[in-house]
């Protein structure tokens, strides 16, 4: 966006005398977006009765996933067919 503001906007009649980057504001906006997306996904999981386990997972069979959770435990999640 910085490059666009400095160079390409001129072709559209938009001129800036000074363009600045506010990194803390950028990071704050990013954090808000990530938080909203995460809450949205968690809501969809809950609505569709999907088991949500935070950690690192791997498939151990076509219907099972082994998850090393963030608190150091290991959990096996089996697919439920309804």
N, C-alpha and C. Protein backbone atom coordinates (compact mmCIF):
# COMPACT_ATOMS: atom_id res chain seq x y z
N UNK A 1 0.82 -1.19 0.00
CA UNK A 1 0.00 0.00 0.00
C UNK A 1 0.87 1.26 0.00
N UNK A 2 1.99 1.18 0.69
CA UNK A 2 2.90 2.33 0.72
C UNK A 2 3.37 2.67 -0.69
N UNK A 3 3.80 1.63 -1.41
CA UNK A 3 4.28 1.86 -2.78
C UNK A 3 3.17 2.45 -3.64
N UNK A 4 1.97 1.89 -3.51
CA UNK A 4 0.83 2.39 -4.27
C UNK A 4 0.57 3.86 -3.96
N UNK A 5 0.59 4.20 -2.67
CA UNK A 5 0.34 5.59 -2.28
C UNK A 5 1.40 6.53 -2.84
N UNK A 6 2.67 6.09 -2.82
CA UNK A 6 3.76 6.94 -3.29
C UNK A 6 3.84 7.04 -4.80
N UNK A 7 3.42 5.99 -5.53
CA UNK A 7 3.66 5.97 -6.96
C UNK A 7 2.40 5.86 -7.82
N UNK A 8 1.57 4.88 -7.57
CA UNK A 8 0.45 4.61 -8.47
C UNK A 8 -0.72 5.57 -8.29
N UNK A 9 -0.92 6.09 -7.08
CA UNK A 9 -2.05 6.98 -6.85
C UNK A 9 -1.94 8.26 -7.68
N UNK A 10 -0.71 8.67 -7.97
CA UNK A 10 -0.48 9.87 -8.76
C UNK A 10 -1.20 9.80 -10.11
N UNK A 11 -1.27 8.61 -10.70
CA UNK A 11 -1.94 8.42 -11.98
C UNK A 11 -3.45 8.62 -11.86
N UNK A 12 -3.96 8.57 -10.66
CA UNK A 12 -5.39 8.76 -10.41
C UNK A 12 -5.69 10.16 -9.88
N UNK A 13 -4.68 11.00 -9.88
CA UNK A 13 -4.86 12.37 -9.42
C UNK A 13 -4.77 12.54 -7.91
N UNK A 14 -4.25 11.54 -7.20
CA UNK A 14 -4.12 11.61 -5.75
C UNK A 14 -2.65 11.83 -5.43
N UNK A 15 -2.37 12.96 -4.72
CA UNK A 15 -1.00 13.30 -4.37
C UNK A 15 -0.86 13.36 -2.85
N UNK A 16 0.28 12.86 -2.37
CA UNK A 16 0.61 12.92 -0.96
C UNK A 16 1.94 13.64 -0.81
N UNK A 17 2.02 14.52 0.18
CA UNK A 17 3.31 15.14 0.44
C UNK A 17 4.13 14.27 1.39
N UNK A 18 3.44 13.48 2.20
CA UNK A 18 4.14 12.65 3.17
C UNK A 18 3.32 11.39 3.45
N UNK A 19 3.94 10.25 3.32
CA UNK A 19 3.28 8.98 3.65
C UNK A 19 4.09 8.34 4.76
N UNK A 20 3.40 7.95 5.85
CA UNK A 20 4.07 7.33 6.98
C UNK A 20 3.45 5.98 7.28
N UNK A 21 4.23 5.12 7.89
CA UNK A 21 3.75 3.81 8.32
C UNK A 21 3.71 3.80 9.83
N UNK A 22 2.54 3.46 10.38
CA UNK A 22 2.34 3.37 11.83
C UNK A 22 2.27 1.89 12.17
N UNK A 23 3.44 1.28 12.45
CA UNK A 23 3.51 -0.15 12.69
C UNK A 23 2.64 -0.62 13.86
N UNK A 24 2.62 0.07 15.00
CA UNK A 24 1.72 -0.37 16.08
C UNK A 24 0.25 -0.40 15.66
N UNK A 25 -0.19 0.56 14.86
CA UNK A 25 -1.58 0.57 14.38
C UNK A 25 -1.83 -0.58 13.41
N UNK A 26 -0.86 -0.88 12.56
CA UNK A 26 -0.97 -2.01 11.63
C UNK A 26 -1.10 -3.31 12.41
N UNK A 27 -0.25 -3.51 13.42
CA UNK A 27 -0.27 -4.74 14.21
C UNK A 27 -1.57 -4.86 15.00
N UNK A 28 -2.07 -3.74 15.52
CA UNK A 28 -3.34 -3.75 16.25
C UNK A 28 -4.48 -4.18 15.33
N UNK A 29 -4.51 -3.65 14.12
CA UNK A 29 -5.55 -4.03 13.15
C UNK A 29 -5.44 -5.51 12.80
N UNK A 30 -4.22 -6.00 12.61
CA UNK A 30 -4.00 -7.41 12.30
C UNK A 30 -4.51 -8.29 13.43
N UNK A 31 -4.20 -7.90 14.68
CA UNK A 31 -4.66 -8.68 15.84
C UNK A 31 -6.18 -8.74 15.91
N UNK A 32 -6.85 -7.63 15.60
CA UNK A 32 -8.33 -7.61 15.60
C UNK A 32 -8.89 -8.55 14.54
N UNK A 33 -8.31 -8.54 13.36
CA UNK A 33 -8.77 -9.40 12.27
C UNK A 33 -8.58 -10.87 12.63
N UNK A 34 -7.41 -11.22 13.15
CA UNK A 34 -7.14 -12.61 13.53
C UNK A 34 -8.11 -13.06 14.62
N UNK A 35 -8.36 -12.20 15.60
CA UNK A 35 -9.28 -12.53 16.68
C UNK A 35 -10.69 -12.76 16.15
N UNK A 36 -11.16 -11.88 15.28
CA UNK A 36 -12.51 -12.04 14.72
C UNK A 36 -12.63 -13.30 13.88
N UNK A 37 -11.63 -13.59 13.08
CA UNK A 37 -11.66 -14.81 12.26
C UNK A 37 -11.66 -16.06 13.12
N UNK A 38 -10.83 -16.05 14.16
CA UNK A 38 -10.74 -17.20 15.06
C UNK A 38 -12.07 -17.43 15.77
N UNK A 39 -12.69 -16.37 16.28
CA UNK A 39 -13.99 -16.52 16.94
C UNK A 39 -15.05 -17.03 15.96
N UNK A 40 -14.97 -16.57 14.72
CA UNK A 40 -15.93 -17.03 13.72
C UNK A 40 -15.78 -18.51 13.43
N UNK A 41 -14.56 -18.97 13.32
CA UNK A 41 -14.31 -20.39 13.07
C UNK A 41 -14.74 -21.23 14.27
N UNK A 42 -14.42 -20.76 15.48
CA UNK A 42 -14.84 -21.49 16.68
C UNK A 42 -16.36 -21.58 16.75
N UNK A 43 -17.05 -20.51 16.36
CA UNK A 43 -18.52 -20.53 16.34
C UNK A 43 -19.06 -21.54 15.34
N UNK A 44 -18.45 -21.61 14.18
CA UNK A 44 -18.88 -22.59 13.18
C UNK A 44 -18.64 -24.02 13.67
N UNK A 45 -17.50 -24.24 14.32
CA UNK A 45 -17.22 -25.56 14.88
C UNK A 45 -18.30 -25.95 15.88
N UNK A 46 -18.62 -25.04 16.79
CA UNK A 46 -19.63 -25.32 17.82
C UNK A 46 -20.99 -25.60 17.19
N UNK A 47 -21.38 -24.78 16.24
CA UNK A 47 -22.68 -24.93 15.57
C UNK A 47 -22.78 -26.28 14.86
N UNK A 48 -21.68 -26.75 14.29
CA UNK A 48 -21.68 -27.99 13.52
C UNK A 48 -21.16 -29.19 14.31
N UNK A 49 -21.02 -29.01 15.63
CA UNK A 49 -20.59 -30.08 16.54
C UNK A 49 -19.26 -30.69 16.13
N UNK A 50 -18.31 -29.81 15.78
CA UNK A 50 -16.96 -30.23 15.43
C UNK A 50 -16.09 -30.12 16.67
N UNK A 51 -15.34 -31.17 16.99
CA UNK A 51 -14.44 -31.15 18.13
C UNK A 51 -13.26 -30.22 17.82
N UNK A 52 -13.03 -29.27 18.71
CA UNK A 52 -11.97 -28.28 18.53
C UNK A 52 -10.89 -28.53 19.57
N UNK A 53 -9.71 -28.93 19.12
CA UNK A 53 -8.60 -29.22 20.02
C UNK A 53 -7.41 -28.38 19.55
N UNK A 54 -6.88 -27.53 20.44
CA UNK A 54 -5.72 -26.70 20.07
C UNK A 54 -4.45 -27.52 20.26
N UNK A 55 -3.61 -27.55 19.23
CA UNK A 55 -2.35 -28.28 19.33
C UNK A 55 -1.84 -28.63 17.95
N UNK A 56 -0.97 -29.61 17.91
CA UNK A 56 -0.37 -30.08 16.66
C UNK A 56 -0.86 -31.49 16.42
N UNK A 57 -1.50 -31.71 15.26
CA UNK A 57 -2.11 -33.00 15.00
C UNK A 57 -1.52 -33.74 13.83
N UNK A 58 -1.81 -35.06 13.82
CA UNK A 58 -1.42 -35.90 12.68
C UNK A 58 -2.45 -37.02 12.57
N UNK A 59 -2.70 -37.42 11.34
CA UNK A 59 -3.63 -38.53 11.10
C UNK A 59 -2.96 -39.83 11.49
N UNK A 60 -3.69 -40.66 12.25
CA UNK A 60 -3.15 -41.98 12.59
C UNK A 60 -3.96 -43.09 11.94
N UNK A 61 -5.11 -42.74 11.40
CA UNK A 61 -5.92 -43.66 10.61
C UNK A 61 -6.91 -42.79 9.83
N UNK A 62 -7.67 -43.38 8.92
CA UNK A 62 -8.63 -42.56 8.16
C UNK A 62 -9.68 -41.86 9.03
N UNK A 63 -9.90 -42.36 10.26
CA UNK A 63 -10.93 -41.75 11.11
C UNK A 63 -10.40 -41.24 12.45
N UNK A 64 -9.08 -41.18 12.63
CA UNK A 64 -8.51 -40.74 13.90
C UNK A 64 -7.37 -39.74 13.69
N UNK A 65 -7.33 -38.77 14.60
CA UNK A 65 -6.25 -37.78 14.59
C UNK A 65 -5.63 -37.77 15.98
N UNK A 66 -4.31 -37.83 16.05
CA UNK A 66 -3.59 -37.70 17.31
C UNK A 66 -3.16 -36.24 17.44
N UNK A 67 -3.48 -35.63 18.59
CA UNK A 67 -3.16 -34.22 18.80
C UNK A 67 -2.29 -34.07 20.05
N UNK A 68 -1.13 -33.44 19.89
CA UNK A 68 -0.32 -33.03 21.03
C UNK A 68 -0.80 -31.63 21.39
N UNK A 69 -1.51 -31.52 22.51
CA UNK A 69 -2.14 -30.26 22.88
C UNK A 69 -1.11 -29.27 23.40
N UNK A 70 -1.53 -28.01 23.48
CA UNK A 70 -0.61 -26.97 23.92
C UNK A 70 -0.22 -27.10 25.38
N UNK A 71 -0.99 -27.88 26.16
CA UNK A 71 -0.64 -28.09 27.56
C UNK A 71 0.15 -29.37 27.77
N UNK A 72 0.62 -29.99 26.67
CA UNK A 72 1.51 -31.14 26.77
C UNK A 72 0.84 -32.50 26.78
N UNK A 73 -0.46 -32.54 26.66
CA UNK A 73 -1.15 -33.83 26.65
C UNK A 73 -1.28 -34.34 25.23
N UNK A 74 -1.57 -35.64 25.12
CA UNK A 74 -1.83 -36.23 23.80
C UNK A 74 -3.28 -36.71 23.81
N UNK A 75 -4.01 -36.32 22.77
CA UNK A 75 -5.42 -36.66 22.65
C UNK A 75 -5.65 -37.33 21.31
N UNK A 76 -6.46 -38.38 21.28
CA UNK A 76 -6.85 -39.00 20.02
C UNK A 76 -8.29 -38.63 19.77
N UNK A 77 -8.55 -38.03 18.64
CA UNK A 77 -9.90 -37.61 18.26
C UNK A 77 -10.38 -38.53 17.16
N UNK A 78 -11.54 -39.15 17.39
CA UNK A 78 -12.11 -40.05 16.40
C UNK A 78 -13.24 -39.33 15.67
N UNK A 79 -13.34 -39.59 14.38
CA UNK A 79 -14.39 -39.01 13.57
C UNK A 79 -15.72 -39.60 14.00
N UNK A 80 -16.70 -38.73 14.16
CA UNK A 80 -18.05 -39.18 14.48
C UNK A 80 -18.92 -39.05 13.26
N UNK A 81 -19.58 -40.13 12.90
CA UNK A 81 -20.48 -40.12 11.75
C UNK A 81 -21.90 -40.09 12.28
N UNK A 82 -22.66 -39.05 11.89
CA UNK A 82 -24.03 -38.95 12.40
C UNK A 82 -25.04 -39.14 11.31
